[in-house]
Amino acid sequence: MKRIFLFSLLALFITLGKSFDTWAAQSDAIAVQFTKPAIQHSMPKNAVFYDEKGTAVDLNTFKGNVILLNFWKATCRKCLVELPSLNRLQERFPKLVIIAVSEGDEPAEQIENVLHKERRLGSIKVATDKGQALLKAFDGEKVPQTRLIDQNGDVVGFIKGAADFDADAITEQISSLLNK
């Protein structure tokens, strides 16, 4: 009787494990293109992030450029997975302004360590978001999230979740904006 019970319990764990693996694979989907917003909107006013020195930088100062605004966190596995392709995207499109804003409580020195020393992602600049004010200004809740902003300051695309910034559709969308 004990053997039947243990066998049944083992079968249950195997079944649950396979179900979890399927769910995990689905939840780890990586976006390969930007979604166009249902309603056109511009960058919010007072869209501030902080550079590696802790100086406030208004996102609106970059108006006139194509901007890719990526929200991430050093403790987010999906965020860390997408950062290398984000770094390659910056190398491929030097005129693209990429701002990878850390949403964690980590100080700029720790973010610098994660990006540049541990991950060797030298093309990504250090940026932080105190109190998640910038993320909230873009109606964001969770990370990773990305916004693509055109030269007029209009949000023309977004990705909720991790992205493969090497994907053809993403690079084509960015290239067409840069060539306008």
C-alpha atoms as a PDB file:
ATOM      1  CA  MET A   1       0.000   0.000   0.000  1.00  0.00           C
ATOM      2  CA  LYS A   2       2.850   2.376   0.849  1.00  0.00           C
ATOM      3  CA  ARG A   3       4.465   1.644  -2.522  1.00  0.00           C
ATOM      4  CA  ILE A   4       1.278   2.516  -4.384  1.00  0.00           C
ATOM      5  CA  PHE A   5       0.957   5.741  -2.413  1.00  0.00           C
ATOM      6  CA  LEU A   6       4.593   6.707  -3.032  1.00  0.00           C
ATOM      7  CA  PHE A   7       4.291   5.799  -6.727  1.00  0.00           C
ATOM      8  CA  SER A   8       1.131   7.923  -7.035  1.00  0.00           C
ATOM      9  CA  LEU A   9       2.805  10.815  -5.251  1.00  0.00           C
ATOM     10  CA  LEU A  10       5.846  10.567  -7.533  1.00  0.00           C
ATOM     11  CA  ALA A  11       3.602  10.523 -10.627  1.00  0.00           C
ATOM     12  CA  LEU A  12       1.790  13.610  -9.345  1.00  0.00           C
ATOM     13  CA  PHE A  13       5.073  15.505  -8.852  1.00  0.00           C
ATOM     14  CA  ILE A  14       6.278  14.553 -12.337  1.00  0.00           C
ATOM     15  CA  THR A  15       2.986  15.734 -13.877  1.00  0.00           C
ATOM     16  CA  LEU A  16       3.069  18.985 -11.916  1.00  0.00           C
ATOM     17  CA  GLY A  17       6.710  19.509 -12.879  1.00  0.00           C
ATOM     18  CA  LYS A  18       5.911  19.151 -16.585  1.00  0.00           C
ATOM     19  CA  SER A  19       2.972  21.539 -16.236  1.00  0.00           C
ATOM     20  CA  PHE A  20       5.204  24.056 -14.479  1.00  0.00           C
ATOM     21  CA  ASP A  21       7.856  23.746 -17.196  1.00  0.00           C
ATOM     22  CA  THR A  22       5.220  24.423 -19.866  1.00  0.00           C
ATOM     23  CA  TRP A  23       3.896  27.431 -17.939  1.00  0.00           C
ATOM     24  CA  ALA A  24       7.407  28.763 -17.337  1.00  0.00           C
ATOM     25  CA  ALA A  25       8.298  28.454 -21.020  1.00  0.00           C
ATOM     26  CA  GLN A  26       5.163  30.381 -21.984  1.00  0.00           C
ATOM     27  CA  SER A  27       5.775  33.091 -19.385  1.00  0.00           C
ATOM     28  CA  ASP A  28       9.381  33.477 -20.578  1.00  0.00           C
ATOM     29  CA  ALA A  29       8.311  34.458 -24.097  1.00  0.00           C
ATOM     30  CA  ILE A  30      10.626  37.062 -25.578  1.00  0.00           C
ATOM     31  CA  ALA A  31       9.125  39.854 -27.673  1.00  0.00           C
ATOM     32  CA  VAL A  32      10.550  40.327 -31.164  1.00  0.00           C
ATOM     33  CA  GLN A  33       8.739  43.526 -32.154  1.00  0.00           C
ATOM     34  CA  PHE A  34       7.239  46.665 -30.710  1.00  0.00           C
ATOM     35  CA  THR A  35       3.471  46.927 -30.278  1.00  0.00           C
ATOM     36  CA  LYS A  36       1.901  50.158 -31.491  1.00  0.00           C
ATOM     37  CA  PRO A  37      -0.003  51.972 -28.724  1.00  0.00           C
ATOM     38  CA  ALA A  38      -3.789  51.943 -29.140  1.00  0.00           C
ATOM     39  CA  ILE A  39      -3.866  55.653 -28.285  1.00  0.00           C
ATOM     40  CA  GLN A  40      -1.148  58.041 -29.468  1.00  0.00           C
ATOM     41  CA  HIS A  41       0.584  59.798 -26.580  1.00  0.00           C
ATOM     42  CA  SER A  42       3.714  61.831 -26.024  1.00  0.00           C
ATOM     43  CA  MET A  43       6.437  61.686 -23.433  1.00  0.00           C
ATOM     44  CA  PRO A  44       5.131  62.899 -20.087  1.00  0.00           C
ATOM     45  CA  LYS A  45       6.250  66.266 -18.806  1.00  0.00           C
ATOM     46  CA  ASN A  46       8.731  66.097 -15.950  1.00  0.00           C
ATOM     47  CA  ALA A  47      10.009  62.736 -17.175  1.00  0.00           C
ATOM     48  CA  VAL A  48      13.133  62.609 -15.011  1.00  0.00           C
ATOM     49  CA  PHE A  49      15.738  59.931 -14.456  1.00  0.00           C
ATOM     50  CA  TYR A  50      19.114  60.145 -12.700  1.00  0.00           C
ATOM     51  CA  ASP A  51      22.524  59.580 -14.280  1.00  0.00           C
ATOM     52  CA  GLU A  52      25.487  57.750 -12.734  1.00  0.00           C
ATOM     53  CA  LYS A  53      26.399  60.873 -10.724  1.00  0.00           C
ATOM     54  CA  GLY A  54      22.870  61.195  -9.313  1.00  0.00           C
ATOM     55  CA  THR A  55      22.104  64.255 -11.439  1.00  0.00           C
ATOM     56  CA  ALA A  56      18.493  64.636 -12.549  1.00  0.00           C
ATOM     57  CA  VAL A  57      18.099  64.399 -16.329  1.00  0.00           C
ATOM     58  CA  ASP A  58      14.849  65.366 -18.058  1.00  0.00           C
ATOM     59  CA  LEU A  59      13.978  62.865 -20.779  1.00  0.00           C
ATOM     60  CA  ASN A  60      12.490  65.720 -22.811  1.00  0.00           C
ATOM     61  CA  THR A  61      16.014  67.093 -23.383  1.00  0.00           C
ATOM     62  CA  PHE A  62      16.465  64.213 -25.853  1.00  0.00           C
ATOM     63  CA  LYS A  63      13.476  65.278 -27.953  1.00  0.00           C
ATOM     64  CA  GLY A  64      14.509  65.400 -31.599  1.00  0.00           C
ATOM     65  CA  ASN A  65      16.180  61.982 -31.265  1.00  0.00           C
ATOM     66  CA  VAL A  66      14.779  58.488 -31.489  1.00  0.00           C
ATOM     67  CA  ILE A  67      14.753  57.180 -27.917  1.00  0.00           C
ATOM     68  CA  LEU A  68      14.528  53.648 -26.624  1.00  0.00           C
ATOM     69  CA  LEU A  69      13.591  53.767 -22.946  1.00  0.00           C
ATOM     70  CA  ASN A  70      14.125  50.441 -21.198  1.00  0.00           C
ATOM     71  CA  PHE A  71      13.024  49.824 -17.615  1.00  0.00           C
ATOM     72  CA  TRP A  72      14.887  47.015 -15.840  1.00  0.00           C
ATOM     73  CA  LYS A  73      16.038  45.823 -12.445  1.00  0.00           C
ATOM     74  CA  ALA A  74      19.287  44.110 -11.428  1.00  0.00           C
ATOM     75  CA  THR A  75      17.364  41.398  -9.562  1.00  0.00           C
ATOM     76  CA  CYS A  76      15.076  40.633 -12.541  1.00  0.00           C
ATOM     77  CA  ARG A  77      16.152  37.505 -14.449  1.00  0.00           C
ATOM     78  CA  LYS A  78      14.277  38.479 -17.634  1.00  0.00           C
ATOM     79  CA  CYS A  79      15.838  41.945 -17.510  1.00  0.00           C
ATOM     80  CA  LEU A  80      19.353  40.540 -17.296  1.00  0.00           C
ATOM     81  CA  VAL A  81      18.651  38.189 -20.213  1.00  0.00           C
ATOM     82  CA  GLU A  82      17.686  41.061 -22.541  1.00  0.00           C
ATOM     83  CA  LEU A  83      20.508  43.469 -21.603  1.00  0.00           C
ATOM     84  CA  PRO A  84      23.188  41.974 -23.915  1.00  0.00           C
ATOM     85  CA  SER A  85      20.950  42.387 -26.974  1.00  0.00           C
ATOM     86  CA  LEU A  86      20.149  45.939 -25.826  1.00  0.00           C
ATOM     87  CA  ASN A  87      23.881  46.627 -25.670  1.00  0.00           C
ATOM     88  CA  ARG A  88      24.339  45.236 -29.210  1.00  0.00           C
ATOM     89  CA  LEU A  89      21.446  47.412 -30.409  1.00  0.00           C
ATOM     90  CA  GLN A  90      23.249  50.518 -29.100  1.00  0.00           C
ATOM     91  CA  GLU A  91      26.424  49.441 -30.885  1.00  0.00           C
ATOM     92  CA  ARG A  92      24.486  48.859 -34.122  1.00  0.00           C
ATOM     93  CA  PHE A  93      22.610  52.191 -33.967  1.00  0.00           C
ATOM     94  CA  PRO A  94      24.866  54.810 -32.349  1.00  0.00           C
ATOM     95  CA  LYS A  95      22.372  57.607 -33.171  1.00  0.00           C
ATOM     96  CA  LEU A  96      19.666  55.826 -31.172  1.00  0.00           C
ATOM     97  CA  VAL A  97      19.420  57.203 -27.634  1.00  0.00           C
ATOM     98  CA  ILE A  98      19.085  54.172 -25.368  1.00  0.00           C
ATOM     99  CA  ILE A  99      18.304  54.855 -21.740  1.00  0.00           C
ATOM    100  CA  ALA A 100      18.198  51.718 -19.598  1.00  0.00           C
ATOM    101  CA  VAL A 101      16.646  52.877 -16.347  1.00  0.00           C
ATOM    102  CA  SER A 102      17.130  50.708 -13.265  1.00  0.00           C
ATOM    103  CA  GLU A 103      13.985  50.435 -11.163  1.00  0.00           C
ATOM    104  CA  GLY A 104      15.689  48.832  -8.205  1.00  0.00           C
ATOM    105  CA  ASP A 105      16.909  50.357  -4.978  1.00  0.00           C
ATOM    106  CA  GLU A 106      20.492  49.631  -5.957  1.00  0.00           C
ATOM    107  CA  PRO A 107      22.850  52.615  -5.891  1.00  0.00           C
ATOM    108  CA  ALA A 108      24.424  53.770  -9.163  1.00  0.00           C
ATOM    109  CA  GLU A 109      27.749  52.117  -8.208  1.00  0.00           C
ATOM    110  CA  GLN A 110      26.081  48.706  -7.944  1.00  0.00           C
ATOM    111  CA  ILE A 111      24.282  49.200 -11.258  1.00  0.00           C
ATOM    112  CA  GLU A 112      27.595  50.237 -12.813  1.00  0.00           C
ATOM    113  CA  ASN A 113      29.081  47.002 -11.469  1.00  0.00           C
ATOM    114  CA  VAL A 114      26.235  44.867 -12.899  1.00  0.00           C
ATOM    115  CA  LEU A 115      26.298  46.523 -16.324  1.00  0.00           C
ATOM    116  CA  HIS A 116      29.921  47.211 -17.003  1.00  0.00           C
ATOM    117  CA  LYS A 117      32.010  44.904 -14.840  1.00  0.00           C
ATOM    118  CA  GLU A 118      29.932  41.730 -14.445  1.00  0.00           C
ATOM    119  CA  ARG A 119      28.099  41.800 -17.778  1.00  0.00           C
ATOM    120  CA  ARG A 120      30.608  43.866 -19.813  1.00  0.00           C
ATOM    121  CA  LEU A 121      27.850  45.973 -21.371  1.00  0.00           C
ATOM    122  CA  GLY A 122      29.826  49.154 -21.900  1.00  0.00           C
ATOM    123  CA  SER A 123      27.430  50.748 -24.402  1.00  0.00           C
ATOM    124  CA  ILE A 124      24.611  51.017 -21.868  1.00  0.00           C
ATOM    125  CA  LYS A 125      24.724  54.097 -19.660  1.00  0.00           C
ATOM    126  CA  VAL A 126      23.835  53.947 -15.973  1.00  0.00           C
ATOM    127  CA  ALA A 127      20.436  55.479 -15.127  1.00  0.00           C
ATOM    128  CA  THR A 128      18.158  55.167 -12.093  1.00  0.00           C
ATOM    129  CA  ASP A 129      14.549  56.048 -11.329  1.00  0.00           C
ATOM    130  CA  LYS A 130      13.962  57.285  -7.780  1.00  0.00           C
ATOM    131  CA  GLY A 131      10.658  56.021  -6.456  1.00  0.00           C
ATOM    132  CA  GLN A 132       9.814  54.601  -9.894  1.00  0.00           C
ATOM    133  CA  ALA A 133       8.489  58.040 -10.863  1.00  0.00           C
ATOM    134  CA  LEU A 134       9.513  57.710 -14.520  1.00  0.00           C
ATOM    135  CA  LEU A 135       8.082  54.197 -14.845  1.00  0.00           C
ATOM    136  CA  LYS A 136       4.807  55.400 -13.331  1.00  0.00           C
ATOM    137  CA  ALA A 137       4.756  58.431 -15.648  1.00  0.00           C
ATOM    138  CA  PHE A 138       4.702  55.938 -18.533  1.00  0.00           C
ATOM    139  CA  ASP A 139       1.923  53.943 -16.818  1.00  0.00           C
ATOM    140  CA  GLY A 140       4.329  51.089 -16.231  1.00  0.00           C
ATOM    141  CA  GLU A 141       4.087  48.636 -13.387  1.00  0.00           C
ATOM    142  CA  LYS A 142       6.495  45.742 -13.814  1.00  0.00           C
ATOM    143  CA  VAL A 143       9.880  45.297 -15.440  1.00  0.00           C
ATOM    144  CA  PRO A 144      11.182  44.689 -17.986  1.00  0.00           C
ATOM    145  CA  GLN A 145       9.358  47.210 -20.160  1.00  0.00           C
ATOM    146  CA  THR A 146      10.483  49.239 -23.137  1.00  0.00           C
ATOM    147  CA  ARG A 147       9.140  52.322 -24.909  1.00  0.00           C
ATOM    148  CA  LEU A 148      10.165  53.471 -28.391  1.00  0.00           C
ATOM    149  CA  ILE A 149       9.836  57.236 -28.794  1.00  0.00           C
ATOM    150  CA  ASP A 150      10.124  59.101 -32.106  1.00  0.00           C
ATOM    151  CA  GLN A 151      11.837  62.437 -32.803  1.00  0.00           C
ATOM    152  CA  ASN A 152       8.627  64.344 -31.960  1.00  0.00           C
ATOM    153  CA  GLY A 153       8.466  62.808 -28.498  1.00  0.00           C
ATOM    154  CA  ASP A 154       5.583  60.474 -29.373  1.00  0.00           C
ATOM    155  CA  VAL A 155       5.556  56.931 -28.021  1.00  0.00           C
ATOM    156  CA  VAL A 156       5.306  54.822 -31.186  1.00  0.00           C
ATOM    157  CA  GLY A 157       5.915  51.380 -29.714  1.00  0.00           C
ATOM    158  CA  PHE A 158       6.133  49.442 -26.485  1.00  0.00           C
ATOM    159  CA  ILE A 159       7.124  46.038 -25.203  1.00  0.00           C
ATOM    160  CA  LYS A 160       5.916  44.653 -21.888  1.00  0.00           C
ATOM    161  CA  GLY A 161       8.237  41.885 -20.808  1.00  0.00           C
ATOM    162  CA  ALA A 162      11.611  40.792 -22.116  1.00  0.00           C
ATOM    163  CA  ALA A 163      12.668  41.554 -25.677  1.00  0.00           C
ATOM    164  CA  ASP A 164      15.187  40.276 -28.187  1.00  0.00           C
ATOM    165  CA  PHE A 165      16.634  43.539 -29.455  1.00  0.00           C
ATOM    166  CA  ASP A 166      18.518  41.606 -32.156  1.00  0.00           C
ATOM    167  CA  ALA A 167      15.206  40.608 -33.789  1.00  0.00           C
ATOM    168  CA  ASP A 168      14.750  41.775 -37.376  1.00  0.00           C
ATOM    169  CA  ALA A 169      11.362  43.397 -36.742  1.00  0.00           C
ATOM    170  CA  ILE A 170      12.778  45.503 -33.892  1.00  0.00           C
ATOM    171  CA  THR A 171      15.845  46.632 -35.828  1.00  0.00           C
ATOM    172  CA  GLU A 172      13.671  47.428 -38.875  1.00  0.00           C
ATOM    173  CA  GLN A 173      11.280  49.519 -36.759  1.00  0.00           C
ATOM    174  CA  ILE A 174      14.193  51.465 -35.279  1.00  0.00           C
ATOM    175  CA  SER A 175      15.978  51.851 -38.603  1.00  0.00           C
ATOM    176  CA  SER A 176      12.861  53.272 -40.259  1.00  0.00           C
ATOM    177  CA  LEU A 177      12.495  55.858 -37.459  1.00  0.00           C
ATOM    178  CA  LEU A 178      16.156  56.846 -37.622  1.00  0.00           C
ATOM    179  CA  ASN A 179      15.945  57.318 -41.406  1.00  0.00           C
ATOM    180  CA  LYS A 180      12.968  59.706 -41.277  1.00  0.00           C
END
